[in-house]
Amino acid sequence: MNKVFITDRIINASIEKKILGDFLVSDPKKNITVLLVWHQIVDEEFLNKFPHAEVIIRYAVIVLRRKRNWMVRNYL
């Protein structure tokens, strides 16, 4: 089962919890597969804490998109 962890800047994750339900966890020691990141520096040291992570989503972009109704795409 996928586990989602918010790395930083969120005090009350009620909206995220409503959307993600049991997928959202507050314990970073679980087998996290998805990281929601705001300002966290994502480097090798940080990623080593999440050996099962497969997806990283830069969280602030979603917030700006909602506030301004922007279409946002990231391509690698």
N, C-alpha and C. Protein backbone atom coordinates (compact mmCIF):
# COMPACT_ATOMS: atom_id res chain seq x y z
N MET A 1 0.83 -1.18 0.00
CA MET A 1 0.00 0.00 0.00
C MET A 1 0.88 1.25 0.00
N ASN A 2 0.56 2.21 -0.85
CA ASN A 2 1.31 3.46 -0.90
C ASN A 2 1.07 4.28 0.35
N LYS A 3 2.13 4.95 0.80
CA LYS A 3 2.04 5.86 1.94
C LYS A 3 2.55 7.22 1.51
N VAL A 4 1.81 8.28 1.86
CA VAL A 4 2.16 9.64 1.49
C VAL A 4 2.59 10.39 2.74
N PHE A 5 3.70 11.12 2.65
CA PHE A 5 4.22 11.88 3.78
C PHE A 5 4.45 13.32 3.34
N ILE A 6 3.96 14.28 4.13
CA ILE A 6 4.21 15.70 3.89
C ILE A 6 5.46 16.09 4.67
N THR A 7 6.47 16.57 3.98
CA THR A 7 7.77 16.78 4.61
C THR A 7 7.86 18.05 5.45
N ASP A 8 7.17 19.12 5.09
CA ASP A 8 7.38 20.39 5.81
C ASP A 8 6.25 21.38 5.57
N ARG A 9 6.17 22.38 6.42
CA ARG A 9 5.31 23.56 6.29
C ARG A 9 3.82 23.37 6.48
N ILE A 10 3.36 22.19 6.76
CA ILE A 10 1.93 21.97 6.95
C ILE A 10 1.66 21.72 8.44
N ILE A 11 0.87 22.58 9.05
CA ILE A 11 0.52 22.42 10.46
C ILE A 11 -0.75 21.58 10.59
N ASN A 12 -1.73 21.91 9.78
CA ASN A 12 -3.01 21.20 9.82
C ASN A 12 -3.24 20.59 8.44
N ALA A 13 -3.15 19.30 8.34
CA ALA A 13 -3.30 18.61 7.05
C ALA A 13 -4.71 18.06 6.86
N SER A 14 -5.71 18.78 7.34
CA SER A 14 -7.08 18.27 7.26
C SER A 14 -7.57 18.11 5.82
N ILE A 15 -7.21 19.03 4.95
CA ILE A 15 -7.63 18.93 3.54
C ILE A 15 -6.94 17.74 2.89
N GLU A 16 -5.65 17.61 3.15
CA GLU A 16 -4.90 16.49 2.59
C GLU A 16 -5.44 15.16 3.12
N LYS A 17 -5.75 15.13 4.39
CA LYS A 17 -6.29 13.91 5.01
C LYS A 17 -7.65 13.55 4.39
N LYS A 18 -8.46 14.57 4.13
CA LYS A 18 -9.77 14.32 3.52
C LYS A 18 -9.61 13.72 2.12
N ILE A 19 -8.63 14.19 1.37
CA ILE A 19 -8.41 13.71 0.01
C ILE A 19 -7.70 12.35 0.00
N LEU A 20 -6.64 12.24 0.80
CA LEU A 20 -5.79 11.05 0.75
C LEU A 20 -6.20 9.94 1.71
N GLY A 21 -7.00 10.28 2.71
CA GLY A 21 -7.47 9.27 3.67
C GLY A 21 -6.32 8.55 4.36
N ASP A 22 -6.40 7.24 4.39
CA ASP A 22 -5.39 6.43 5.08
C ASP A 22 -4.05 6.38 4.37
N PHE A 23 -3.97 6.90 3.16
CA PHE A 23 -2.69 6.95 2.46
C PHE A 23 -1.74 7.97 3.11
N LEU A 24 -2.31 9.02 3.72
CA LEU A 24 -1.49 10.05 4.35
C LEU A 24 -1.08 9.59 5.74
N VAL A 25 0.22 9.63 6.00
CA VAL A 25 0.74 9.23 7.31
C VAL A 25 1.58 10.36 7.89
N SER A 26 1.65 10.41 9.20
CA SER A 26 2.44 11.45 9.87
C SER A 26 3.77 10.92 10.40
N ASP A 27 3.97 9.63 10.28
CA ASP A 27 5.19 9.00 10.78
C ASP A 27 6.15 8.75 9.61
N PRO A 28 7.26 9.50 9.55
CA PRO A 28 8.19 9.32 8.43
C PRO A 28 8.92 7.97 8.45
N LYS A 29 8.76 7.19 9.49
CA LYS A 29 9.44 5.90 9.57
C LYS A 29 8.66 4.79 8.85
N LYS A 30 7.46 5.09 8.41
CA LYS A 30 6.68 4.10 7.65
C LYS A 30 7.32 3.94 6.26
N ASN A 31 6.87 2.97 5.50
CA ASN A 31 7.40 2.76 4.15
C ASN A 31 6.80 3.78 3.19
N ILE A 32 7.33 4.98 3.22
CA ILE A 32 6.81 6.09 2.43
C ILE A 32 7.14 5.88 0.95
N THR A 33 6.13 5.99 0.09
CA THR A 33 6.36 5.88 -1.35
C THR A 33 6.16 7.20 -2.08
N VAL A 34 5.43 8.15 -1.45
CA VAL A 34 5.18 9.45 -2.06
C VAL A 34 5.52 10.55 -1.06
N LEU A 35 6.31 11.53 -1.51
CA LEU A 35 6.67 12.68 -0.67
C LEU A 35 6.02 13.94 -1.22
N LEU A 36 5.29 14.65 -0.37
CA LEU A 36 4.78 15.98 -0.71
C LEU A 36 5.74 16.98 -0.07
N VAL A 37 6.44 17.74 -0.90
CA VAL A 37 7.53 18.61 -0.44
C VAL A 37 7.17 20.07 -0.70
N TRP A 38 7.44 20.93 0.28
CA TRP A 38 7.24 22.36 0.08
C TRP A 38 8.59 23.03 -0.05
N HIS A 39 9.28 23.30 1.06
CA HIS A 39 10.57 23.97 1.04
C HIS A 39 11.74 23.04 1.34
N GLN A 40 11.45 21.83 1.65
CA GLN A 40 12.49 20.87 2.01
C GLN A 40 13.53 20.75 0.90
N ILE A 41 14.79 20.79 1.27
CA ILE A 41 15.86 20.54 0.31
C ILE A 41 15.93 19.03 0.09
N VAL A 42 15.74 18.63 -1.14
CA VAL A 42 15.73 17.21 -1.47
C VAL A 42 17.09 16.86 -2.06
N ASP A 43 17.94 16.33 -1.21
CA ASP A 43 19.27 15.91 -1.65
C ASP A 43 19.47 14.44 -1.29
N GLU A 44 20.63 13.92 -1.55
CA GLU A 44 20.91 12.50 -1.32
C GLU A 44 20.71 12.12 0.15
N GLU A 45 21.16 12.97 1.06
CA GLU A 45 21.01 12.71 2.50
C GLU A 45 19.53 12.60 2.88
N PHE A 46 18.73 13.51 2.37
CA PHE A 46 17.30 13.49 2.67
C PHE A 46 16.63 12.25 2.08
N LEU A 47 16.93 11.95 0.83
CA LEU A 47 16.30 10.80 0.16
C LEU A 47 16.69 9.48 0.80
N ASN A 48 17.85 9.40 1.42
CA ASN A 48 18.26 8.18 2.10
C ASN A 48 17.33 7.82 3.26
N LYS A 49 16.60 8.79 3.77
CA LYS A 49 15.63 8.55 4.85
C LYS A 49 14.37 7.87 4.34
N PHE A 50 14.18 7.88 3.03
CA PHE A 50 12.96 7.33 2.41
C PHE A 50 13.35 6.36 1.29
N PRO A 51 13.87 5.21 1.65
CA PRO A 51 14.37 4.27 0.63
C PRO A 51 13.29 3.71 -0.30
N HIS A 52 12.03 3.80 0.08
CA HIS A 52 10.95 3.27 -0.75
C HIS A 52 10.26 4.35 -1.58
N ALA A 53 10.70 5.60 -1.46
CA ALA A 53 10.06 6.71 -2.18
C ALA A 53 10.21 6.52 -3.68
N GLU A 54 9.10 6.72 -4.38
CA GLU A 54 9.07 6.60 -5.84
C GLU A 54 8.64 7.90 -6.51
N VAL A 55 7.91 8.74 -5.76
CA VAL A 55 7.36 9.97 -6.33
C VAL A 55 7.62 11.12 -5.36
N ILE A 56 8.07 12.27 -5.91
CA ILE A 56 8.22 13.49 -5.12
C ILE A 56 7.40 14.57 -5.82
N ILE A 57 6.51 15.21 -5.06
CA ILE A 57 5.67 16.27 -5.61
C ILE A 57 6.00 17.56 -4.89
N ARG A 58 6.37 18.59 -5.65
CA ARG A 58 6.66 19.90 -5.06
C ARG A 58 5.32 20.54 -4.74
N TYR A 59 5.02 20.65 -3.46
CA TYR A 59 3.70 20.97 -2.94
C TYR A 59 3.24 22.40 -3.22
N ALA A 60 4.10 23.37 -3.14
CA ALA A 60 3.70 24.79 -3.28
C ALA A 60 3.11 25.08 -4.65
N VAL A 61 3.54 24.38 -5.67
CA VAL A 61 3.00 24.59 -7.01
C VAL A 61 1.51 24.31 -7.03
N ILE A 62 1.09 23.29 -6.34
CA ILE A 62 -0.33 22.95 -6.27
C ILE A 62 -1.11 24.07 -5.57
N VAL A 63 -0.54 24.62 -4.51
CA VAL A 63 -1.20 25.71 -3.79
C VAL A 63 -1.37 26.91 -4.69
N LEU A 64 -0.33 27.31 -5.42
CA LEU A 64 -0.43 28.45 -6.33
C LEU A 64 -1.45 28.19 -7.44
N ARG A 65 -1.46 26.97 -7.94
CA ARG A 65 -2.40 26.63 -8.99
C ARG A 65 -3.84 26.82 -8.51
N ARG A 66 -4.13 26.40 -7.29
CA ARG A 66 -5.48 26.54 -6.76
C ARG A 66 -5.84 28.01 -6.56
N LYS A 67 -4.92 28.80 -6.03
CA LYS A 67 -5.21 30.21 -5.75
C LYS A 67 -5.42 31.02 -7.02
N ARG A 68 -4.70 30.68 -8.06
CA ARG A 68 -4.76 31.48 -9.28
C ARG A 68 -5.37 30.75 -10.47
N ASN A 69 -5.85 29.55 -10.24
CA ASN A 69 -6.46 28.75 -11.30
C ASN A 69 -5.51 28.55 -12.48
N TRP A 70 -4.25 28.26 -12.18
CA TRP A 70 -3.24 28.05 -13.22
C TRP A 70 -3.21 26.60 -13.64
N MET A 71 -2.81 26.37 -14.87
CA MET A 71 -2.51 25.03 -15.36
C MET A 71 -1.00 24.86 -15.19
N VAL A 72 -0.59 23.86 -14.44
CA VAL A 72 0.83 23.66 -14.14
C VAL A 72 1.23 22.26 -14.57
N ARG A 73 2.34 22.16 -15.28
CA ARG A 73 2.88 20.86 -15.69
C ARG A 73 4.38 20.86 -15.43
N ASN A 74 4.89 19.73 -14.97
CA ASN A 74 6.32 19.53 -14.81
C ASN A 74 6.73 18.38 -15.69
N TYR A 75 7.72 18.60 -16.49
CA TYR A 75 8.23 17.54 -17.37
C TYR A 75 9.70 17.33 -17.07
N LEU A 76 10.09 16.09 -16.99
CA LEU A 76 11.50 15.76 -16.73
C LEU A 76 12.15 15.23 -17.98
